[in-house]
Amino acid sequence: MGKLRATEIFNNARHRLIAIESVDFRYSQTSTNCRLYGNTEPIAVIVCGPDGIYALDMEAKLTMLDQLRRDIPELDAIIAPFTKA
């Protein structure tokens, strides 16, 4: 798995959906050319709303939100409006 990133894919006054993706780049180089390979793969979707925040994997099963928050530090800023004080 490559680096994880969070991308907001939907937002309104009550709900926010965040896609979690694995991003991987590789390259190969020969004496005459260089090739760059990129791959993005969906990992999970985070749903934020009035009822709370939860994460679903690609099979629509609940997954560990705390682990995603540790792996993607910028995720806390995205979900901050939905966290309960």
PDB file of N, CA and C in Angstrom:
ATOM      1  N   MET A   1       0.856  -1.179   0.000  1.00  0.00           N
ATOM      2  CA  MET A   1       0.000   0.000   0.000  1.00  0.00           C
ATOM      3  C   MET A   1       0.891   1.227   0.000  1.00  0.00           C
ATOM      4  N   GLY A   2       0.491   2.215  -0.763  1.00  0.00           N
ATOM      5  CA  GLY A   2       1.239   3.459  -0.851  1.00  0.00           C
ATOM      6  C   GLY A   2       0.821   4.428   0.245  1.00  0.00           C
ATOM      7  N   LYS A   3       1.085   5.678  -0.004  1.00  0.00           N
ATOM      8  CA  LYS A   3       0.697   6.746   0.922  1.00  0.00           C
ATOM      9  C   LYS A   3      -0.817   6.898   0.894  1.00  0.00           C
ATOM     10  N   LEU A   4      -1.407   7.149   2.050  1.00  0.00           N
ATOM     11  CA  LEU A   4      -2.854   7.355   2.118  1.00  0.00           C
ATOM     12  C   LEU A   4      -3.172   8.832   2.026  1.00  0.00           C
ATOM     13  N   ARG A   5      -4.288   9.137   1.360  1.00  0.00           N
ATOM     14  CA  ARG A   5      -4.746  10.525   1.291  1.00  0.00           C
ATOM     15  C   ARG A   5      -6.257  10.551   1.484  1.00  0.00           C
ATOM     16  N   ALA A   6      -6.728  11.677   1.981  1.00  0.00           N
ATOM     17  CA  ALA A   6      -8.160  11.896   2.201  1.00  0.00           C
ATOM     18  C   ALA A   6      -8.629  12.973   1.242  1.00  0.00           C
ATOM     19  N   THR A   7      -9.743  12.700   0.544  1.00  0.00           N
ATOM     20  CA  THR A   7     -10.298  13.648  -0.405  1.00  0.00           C
ATOM     21  C   THR A   7     -11.788  13.803  -0.132  1.00  0.00           C
ATOM     22  N   GLU A   8     -12.206  15.028   0.117  1.00  0.00           N
ATOM     23  CA  GLU A   8     -13.626  15.279   0.332  1.00  0.00           C
ATOM     24  C   GLU A   8     -14.361  15.126  -1.001  1.00  0.00           C
ATOM     25  N   ILE A   9     -15.389  14.260  -1.013  1.00  0.00           N
ATOM     26  CA  ILE A   9     -16.109  14.022  -2.263  1.00  0.00           C
ATOM     27  C   ILE A   9     -17.537  14.554  -2.229  1.00  0.00           C
ATOM     28  N   PHE A  10     -18.043  14.896  -1.034  1.00  0.00           N
ATOM     29  CA  PHE A  10     -19.382  15.483  -0.920  1.00  0.00           C
ATOM     30  C   PHE A  10     -19.425  16.278   0.371  1.00  0.00           C
ATOM     31  N   ASN A  11     -20.102  17.436   0.313  1.00  0.00           N
ATOM     32  CA  ASN A  11     -20.229  18.256   1.510  1.00  0.00           C
ATOM     33  C   ASN A  11     -21.467  19.130   1.379  1.00  0.00           C
ATOM     34  N   ASN A  12     -22.320  19.076   2.391  1.00  0.00           N
ATOM     35  CA  ASN A  12     -23.406  20.037   2.487  1.00  0.00           C
ATOM     36  C   ASN A  12     -23.503  20.460   3.952  1.00  0.00           C
ATOM     37  N   ALA A  13     -24.545  21.138   4.336  1.00  0.00           N
ATOM     38  CA  ALA A  13     -24.648  21.659   5.696  1.00  0.00           C
ATOM     39  C   ALA A  13     -24.720  20.545   6.747  1.00  0.00           C
ATOM     40  N   ARG A  14     -25.194  19.357   6.372  1.00  0.00           N
ATOM     41  CA  ARG A  14     -25.393  18.289   7.360  1.00  0.00           C
ATOM     42  C   ARG A  14     -24.453  17.096   7.215  1.00  0.00           C
ATOM     43  N   HIS A  15     -23.940  16.849   6.032  1.00  0.00           N
ATOM     44  CA  HIS A  15     -23.159  15.637   5.803  1.00  0.00           C
ATOM     45  C   HIS A  15     -21.877  15.925   5.024  1.00  0.00           C
ATOM     46  N   ARG A  16     -20.895  15.069   5.235  1.00  0.00           N
ATOM     47  CA  ARG A  16     -19.643  15.138   4.501  1.00  0.00           C
ATOM     48  C   ARG A  16     -19.182  13.708   4.236  1.00  0.00           C
ATOM     49  N   LEU A  17     -18.784  13.435   2.995  1.00  0.00           N
ATOM     50  CA  LEU A  17     -18.214  12.142   2.628  1.00  0.00           C
ATOM     51  C   LEU A  17     -16.754  12.355   2.246  1.00  0.00           C
ATOM     52  N   ILE A  18     -15.890  11.494   2.768  1.00  0.00           N
ATOM     53  CA  ILE A  18     -14.458  11.611   2.525  1.00  0.00           C
ATOM     54  C   ILE A  18     -13.957  10.281   1.987  1.00  0.00           C
ATOM     55  N   ALA A  19     -13.337  10.311   0.828  1.00  0.00           N
ATOM     56  CA  ALA A  19     -12.743   9.111   0.245  1.00  0.00           C
ATOM     57  C   ALA A  19     -11.313   8.966   0.768  1.00  0.00           C
ATOM     58  N   ILE A  20     -10.969   7.757   1.191  1.00  0.00           N
ATOM     59  CA  ILE A  20      -9.613   7.436   1.602  1.00  0.00           C
ATOM     60  C   ILE A  20      -9.012   6.579   0.499  1.00  0.00           C
ATOM     61  N   GLU A  21      -7.883   7.046  -0.030  1.00  0.00           N
ATOM     62  CA  GLU A  21      -7.256   6.366  -1.160  1.00  0.00           C
ATOM     63  C   GLU A  21      -5.791   6.068  -0.859  1.00  0.00           C
ATOM     64  N   SER A  22      -5.330   4.961  -1.386  1.00  0.00           N
ATOM     65  CA  SER A  22      -3.912   4.641  -1.370  1.00  0.00           C
ATOM     66  C   SER A  22      -3.324   5.136  -2.684  1.00  0.00           C
ATOM     67  N   VAL A  23      -2.257   5.921  -2.595  1.00  0.00           N
ATOM     68  CA  VAL A  23      -1.614   6.486  -3.779  1.00  0.00           C
ATOM     69  C   VAL A  23      -0.189   5.943  -3.838  1.00  0.00           C
ATOM     70  N   ASP A  24       0.147   5.349  -4.966  1.00  0.00           N
ATOM     71  CA  ASP A  24       1.455   4.725  -5.111  1.00  0.00           C
ATOM     72  C   ASP A  24       2.072   5.159  -6.445  1.00  0.00           C
ATOM     73  N   PHE A  25       3.321   5.607  -6.399  1.00  0.00           N
ATOM     74  CA  PHE A  25       4.055   5.988  -7.605  1.00  0.00           C
ATOM     75  C   PHE A  25       5.346   5.178  -7.673  1.00  0.00           C
ATOM     76  N   ARG A  26       5.655   4.711  -8.855  1.00  0.00           N
ATOM     77  CA  ARG A  26       6.908   4.006  -9.092  1.00  0.00           C
ATOM     78  C   ARG A  26       7.493   4.489 -10.409  1.00  0.00           C
ATOM     79  N   TYR A  27       8.774   4.341 -10.533  1.00  0.00           N
ATOM     80  CA  TYR A  27       9.391   4.719 -11.807  1.00  0.00           C
ATOM     81  C   TYR A  27      10.493   3.717 -12.143  1.00  0.00           C
ATOM     82  N   SER A  28      10.773   3.657 -13.405  1.00  0.00           N
ATOM     83  CA  SER A  28      11.907   2.866 -13.870  1.00  0.00           C
ATOM     84  C   SER A  28      12.669   3.711 -14.873  1.00  0.00           C
ATOM     85  N   GLN A  29      13.967   3.487 -14.915  1.00  0.00           N
ATOM     86  CA  GLN A  29      14.802   4.299 -15.783  1.00  0.00           C
ATOM     87  C   GLN A  29      15.798   3.392 -16.495  1.00  0.00           C
ATOM     88  N   THR A  30      15.928   3.642 -17.772  1.00  0.00           N
ATOM     89  CA  THR A  30      16.952   2.969 -18.572  1.00  0.00           C
ATOM     90  C   THR A  30      17.903   4.042 -19.086  1.00  0.00           C
ATOM     91  N   SER A  31      18.809   3.645 -19.887  1.00  0.00           N
ATOM     92  CA  SER A  31      19.766   4.624 -20.402  1.00  0.00           C
ATOM     93  C   SER A  31      19.121   5.611 -21.376  1.00  0.00           C
ATOM     94  N   THR A  32      17.971   5.238 -21.950  1.00  0.00           N
ATOM     95  CA  THR A  32      17.358   6.112 -22.956  1.00  0.00           C
ATOM     96  C   THR A  32      16.015   6.704 -22.550  1.00  0.00           C
ATOM     97  N   ASN A  33      15.353   6.162 -21.555  1.00  0.00           N
ATOM     98  CA  ASN A  33      14.047   6.727 -21.175  1.00  0.00           C
ATOM     99  C   ASN A  33      13.727   6.448 -19.715  1.00  0.00           C
ATOM    100  N   CYS A  34      12.706   7.139 -19.270  1.00  0.00           N
ATOM    101  CA  CYS A  34      12.245   7.020 -17.883  1.00  0.00           C
ATOM    102  C   CYS A  34      10.733   6.823 -17.917  1.00  0.00           C
ATOM    103  N   ARG A  35      10.239   5.925 -17.092  1.00  0.00           N
ATOM    104  CA  ARG A  35       8.792   5.666 -17.036  1.00  0.00           C
ATOM    105  C   ARG A  35       8.297   5.887 -15.612  1.00  0.00           C
ATOM    106  N   LEU A  36       7.135   6.496 -15.531  1.00  0.00           N
ATOM    107  CA  LEU A  36       6.497   6.752 -14.247  1.00  0.00           C
ATOM    108  C   LEU A  36       5.171   6.013 -14.220  1.00  0.00           C
ATOM    109  N   TYR A  37       4.955   5.257 -13.153  1.00  0.00           N
ATOM    110  CA  TYR A  37       3.716   4.506 -12.978  1.00  0.00           C
ATOM    111  C   TYR A  37       3.001   5.050 -11.751  1.00  0.00           C
ATOM    112  N   GLY A  38       1.726   5.304 -11.894  1.00  0.00           N
ATOM    113  CA  GLY A  38       0.933   5.774 -10.772  1.00  0.00           C
ATOM    114  C   GLY A  38      -0.306   4.919 -10.595  1.00  0.00           C
ATOM    115  N   ASN A  39      -0.725   4.776  -9.341  1.00  0.00           N
ATOM    116  CA  ASN A  39      -1.898   3.966  -9.039  1.00  0.00           C
ATOM    117  C   ASN A  39      -2.626   4.573  -7.845  1.00  0.00           C
ATOM    118  N   THR A  40      -3.918   4.733  -7.974  1.00  0.00           N
ATOM    119  CA  THR A  40      -4.746   5.104  -6.828  1.00  0.00           C
ATOM    120  C   THR A  40      -5.759   4.001  -6.619  1.00  0.00           C
ATOM    121  N   GLU A  41      -5.976   3.668  -5.357  1.00  0.00           N
ATOM    122  CA  GLU A  41      -6.894   2.592  -5.019  1.00  0.00           C
ATOM    123  C   GLU A  41      -7.760   3.035  -3.837  1.00  0.00           C
ATOM    124  N   PRO A  42      -9.083   2.937  -3.957  1.00  0.00           N
ATOM    125  CA  PRO A  42      -9.930   3.308  -2.827  1.00  0.00           C
ATOM    126  C   PRO A  42      -9.748   2.321  -1.676  1.00  0.00           C
ATOM    127  N   ILE A  43      -9.709   2.850  -0.474  1.00  0.00           N
ATOM    128  CA  ILE A  43      -9.527   2.034   0.724  1.00  0.00           C
ATOM    129  C   ILE A  43     -10.784   2.065   1.593  1.00  0.00           C
ATOM    130  N   ALA A  44     -11.341   3.274   1.775  1.00  0.00           N
ATOM    131  CA  ALA A  44     -12.486   3.435   2.672  1.00  0.00           C
ATOM    132  C   ALA A  44     -13.222   4.725   2.338  1.00  0.00           C
ATOM    133  N   VAL A  45     -14.401   4.858   2.924  1.00  0.00           N
ATOM    134  CA  VAL A  45     -15.186   6.094   2.856  1.00  0.00           C
ATOM    135  C   VAL A  45     -15.546   6.464   4.282  1.00  0.00           C
ATOM    136  N   ILE A  46     -15.333   7.719   4.624  1.00  0.00           N
ATOM    137  CA  ILE A  46     -15.716   8.217   5.943  1.00  0.00           C
ATOM    138  C   ILE A  46     -16.976   9.040   5.774  1.00  0.00           C
ATOM    139  N   VAL A  47     -17.964   8.746   6.617  1.00  0.00           N
ATOM    140  CA  VAL A  47     -19.244   9.440   6.589  1.00  0.00           C
ATOM    141  C   VAL A  47     -19.335  10.285   7.856  1.00  0.00           C
ATOM    142  N   CYS A  48     -19.524  11.588   7.688  1.00  0.00           N
ATOM    143  CA  CYS A  48     -19.684  12.515   8.811  1.00  0.00           C
ATOM    144  C   CYS A  48     -21.094  13.082   8.740  1.00  0.00           C
ATOM    145  N   GLY A  49     -21.777  13.093   9.856  1.00  0.00           N
ATOM    146  CA  GLY A  49     -23.122  13.631   9.884  1.00  0.00           C
ATOM    147  C   GLY A  49     -23.586  13.904  11.300  1.00  0.00           C
ATOM    148  N   PRO A  50     -24.836  14.288  11.468  1.00  0.00           N
ATOM    149  CA  PRO A  50     -25.355  14.608  12.787  1.00  0.00           C
ATOM    150  C   PRO A  50     -25.349  13.409  13.733  1.00  0.00           C
ATOM    151  N   ASP A  51     -25.373  12.209  13.186  1.00  0.00           N
ATOM    152  CA  ASP A  51     -25.385  11.003  14.020  1.00  0.00           C
ATOM    153  C   ASP A  51     -23.989  10.532  14.398  1.00  0.00           C
ATOM    154  N   GLY A  52     -22.952  11.188  13.912  1.00  0.00           N
ATOM    155  CA  GLY A  52     -21.589  10.806  14.245  1.00  0.00           C
ATOM    156  C   GLY A  52     -20.718  10.630  13.014  1.00  0.00           C
ATOM    157  N   ILE A  53     -19.557  10.052  13.262  1.00  0.00           N
ATOM    158  CA  ILE A  53     -18.579   9.823  12.216  1.00  0.00           C
ATOM    159  C   ILE A  53     -18.231   8.348  12.207  1.00  0.00           C
ATOM    160  N   TYR A  54     -18.254   7.742  11.037  1.00  0.00           N
ATOM    161  CA  TYR A  54     -17.848   6.345  10.936  1.00  0.00           C
ATOM    162  C   TYR A  54     -17.193   6.098   9.592  1.00  0.00           C
ATOM    163  N   ALA A  55     -16.400   5.035   9.548  1.00  0.00           N
ATOM    164  CA  ALA A  55     -15.664   4.674   8.338  1.00  0.00           C
ATOM    165  C   ALA A  55     -16.142   3.324   7.834  1.00  0.00           C
ATOM    166  N   LEU A  56     -16.276   3.228   6.520  1.00  0.00           N
ATOM    167  CA  LEU A  56     -16.675   1.981   5.866  1.00  0.00           C
ATOM    168  C   LEU A  56     -15.569   1.565   4.905  1.00  0.00           C
ATOM    169  N   ASP A  57     -15.253   0.259   4.896  1.00  0.00           N
ATOM    170  CA  ASP A  57     -14.295  -0.221   3.908  1.00  0.00           C
ATOM    171  C   ASP A  57     -14.999  -0.401   2.571  1.00  0.00           C
ATOM    172  N   MET A  58     -14.323  -0.922   1.588  1.00  0.00           N
ATOM    173  CA  MET A  58     -14.887  -1.034   0.247  1.00  0.00           C
ATOM    174  C   MET A  58     -15.940  -2.137   0.138  1.00  0.00           C
ATOM    175  N   GLU A  59     -16.130  -2.918   1.191  1.00  0.00           N
ATOM    176  CA  GLU A  59     -17.207  -3.907   1.224  1.00  0.00           C
ATOM    177  C   GLU A  59     -18.367  -3.421   2.087  1.00  0.00           C
ATOM    178  N   ALA A  60     -18.359  -2.125   2.421  1.00  0.00           N
ATOM    179  CA  ALA A  60     -19.397  -1.460   3.219  1.00  0.00           C
ATOM    180  C   ALA A  60     -19.472  -2.002   4.636  1.00  0.00           C
ATOM    181  N   LYS A  61     -18.354  -2.468   5.177  1.00  0.00           N
ATOM    182  CA  LYS A  61     -18.278  -2.914   6.568  1.00  0.00           C
ATOM    183  C   LYS A  61     -17.569  -1.848   7.380  1.00  0.00           C
ATOM    184  N   LEU A  62     -17.986  -1.681   8.633  1.00  0.00           N
ATOM    185  CA  LEU A  62     -17.332  -0.704   9.500  1.00  0.00           C
ATOM    186  C   LEU A  62     -15.853  -1.038   9.629  1.00  0.00           C
ATOM    187  N   THR A  63     -15.034  -0.010   9.613  1.00  0.00           N
ATOM    188  CA  THR A  63     -13.594  -0.180   9.753  1.00  0.00           C
ATOM    189  C   THR A  63     -13.081   0.796  10.807  1.00  0.00           C
ATOM    190  N   MET A  64     -11.818   0.701  11.138  1.00  0.00           N
ATOM    191  CA  MET A  64     -11.223   1.455  12.237  1.00  0.00           C
ATOM    192  C   MET A  64     -10.956   2.916  11.872  1.00  0.00           C
ATOM    193  N   LEU A  65     -11.802   3.805  12.325  1.00  0.00           N
ATOM    194  CA  LEU A  65     -11.616   5.235  12.087  1.00  0.00           C
ATOM    195  C   LEU A  65     -10.369   5.742  12.802  1.00  0.00           C
ATOM    196  N   ASP A  66     -10.114   5.255  14.024  1.00  0.00           N
ATOM    197  CA  ASP A  66      -8.940   5.717  14.767  1.00  0.00           C
ATOM    198  C   ASP A  66      -7.639   5.412  14.031  1.00  0.00           C
ATOM    199  N   GLN A  67      -7.561   4.253  13.398  1.00  0.00           N
ATOM    200  CA  GLN A  67      -6.358   3.904  12.645  1.00  0.00           C
ATOM    201  C   GLN A  67      -6.180   4.834  11.445  1.00  0.00           C
ATOM    202  N   LEU A  68      -7.269   5.152  10.764  1.00  0.00           N
ATOM    203  CA  LEU A  68      -7.186   6.078   9.632  1.00  0.00           C
ATOM    204  C   LEU A  68      -6.743   7.461  10.092  1.00  0.00           C
ATOM    205  N   ARG A  69      -7.216   7.889  11.246  1.00  0.00           N
ATOM    206  CA  ARG A  69      -6.816   9.196  11.784  1.00  0.00           C
ATOM    207  C   ARG A  69      -5.332   9.219  12.122  1.00  0.00           C
ATOM    208  N   ARG A  70      -4.789   8.100  12.586  1.00  0.00           N
ATOM    209  CA  ARG A  70      -3.350   8.028  12.866  1.00  0.00           C
ATOM    210  C   ARG A  70      -2.542   8.017  11.567  1.00  0.00           C
ATOM    211  N   ASP A  71      -3.045   7.324  10.556  1.00  0.00           N
ATOM    212  CA  ASP A  71      -2.314   7.192   9.298  1.00  0.00           C
ATOM    213  C   ASP A  71      -2.379   8.440   8.421  1.00  0.00           C
ATOM    214  N   ILE A  72      -3.431   9.254   8.593  1.00  0.00           N
ATOM    215  CA  ILE A  72      -3.626  10.447   7.765  1.00  0.00           C
ATOM    216  C   ILE A  72      -3.833  11.647   8.698  1.00  0.00           C
ATOM    217  N   PRO A  73      -2.759  12.308   9.103  1.00  0.00           N
ATOM    218  CA  PRO A  73      -2.873  13.407  10.071  1.00  0.00           C
ATOM    219  C   PRO A  73      -3.822  14.530   9.642  1.00  0.00           C
ATOM    220  N   GLU A  74      -3.897  14.846   8.347  1.00  0.00           N
ATOM    221  CA  GLU A  74      -4.764  15.942   7.887  1.00  0.00           C
ATOM    222  C   GLU A  74      -6.250  15.593   7.980  1.00  0.00           C
ATOM    223  N   LEU A  75      -6.569  14.346   8.245  1.00  0.00           N
ATOM    224  CA  LEU A  75      -7.966  13.920   8.350  1.00  0.00           C
ATOM    225  C   LEU A  75      -8.678  14.598   9.520  1.00  0.00           C
ATOM    226  N   ASP A  76      -7.977  14.833  10.615  1.00  0.00           N
ATOM    227  CA  ASP A  76      -8.596  15.480  11.779  1.00  0.00           C
ATOM    228  C   ASP A  76      -9.159  16.859  11.439  1.00  0.00           C
ATOM    229  N   ALA A  77      -8.454  17.618  10.611  1.00  0.00           N
ATOM    230  CA  ALA A  77      -8.938  18.947  10.227  1.00  0.00           C
ATOM    231  C   ALA A  77     -10.188  18.857   9.363  1.00  0.00           C
ATOM    232  N   ILE A  78     -10.284  17.821   8.546  1.00  0.00           N
ATOM    233  CA  ILE A  78     -11.450  17.669   7.663  1.00  0.00           C
ATOM    234  C   ILE A  78     -12.695  17.299   8.453  1.00  0.00           C
ATOM    235  N   ILE A  79     -12.542  16.436   9.463  1.00  0.00           N
ATOM    236  CA  ILE A  79     -13.722  15.972  10.215  1.00  0.00           C
ATOM    237  C   ILE A  79     -13.999  16.817  11.455  1.00  0.00           C
ATOM    238  N   ALA A  80     -13.169  17.809  11.736  1.00  0.00           N
ATOM    239  CA  ALA A  80     -13.310  18.627  12.956  1.00  0.00           C
ATOM    240  C   ALA A  80     -14.716  19.214  13.146  1.00  0.00           C
ATOM    241  N   PRO A  81     -15.391  19.728  12.127  1.00  0.00           N
ATOM    242  CA  PRO A  81     -16.722  20.281  12.371  1.00  0.00           C
ATOM    243  C   PRO A  81     -17.751  19.252  12.851  1.00  0.00           C
ATOM    244  N   PHE A  82     -17.469  17.981  12.696  1.00  0.00           N
ATOM    245  CA  PHE A  82     -18.419  16.945  13.079  1.00  0.00           C
ATOM    246  C   PHE A  82     -18.060  16.223  14.370  1.00  0.00           C
ATOM    247  N   THR A  83     -16.908  16.557  14.954  1.00  0.00           N
ATOM    248  CA  THR A  83     -16.529  15.924  16.214  1.00  0.00           C
ATOM    249  C   THR A  83     -17.247  16.616  17.357  1.00  0.00           C
ATOM    250  N   LYS A  84     -17.663  15.827  18.315  1.00  0.00           N
ATOM    251  CA  LYS A  84     -18.400  16.361  19.471  1.00  0.00           C
ATOM    252  C   LYS A  84     -17.418  16.821  20.515  1.00  0.00           C
ATOM    253  N   ALA A  85     -17.649  18.000  21.012  1.00  0.00           N
ATOM    254  CA  ALA A  85     -16.755  18.569  22.034  1.00  0.00           C
ATOM    255  C   ALA A  85     -17.022  17.974  23.387  1.00  0.00           C
TER     256      ALA A  85
END
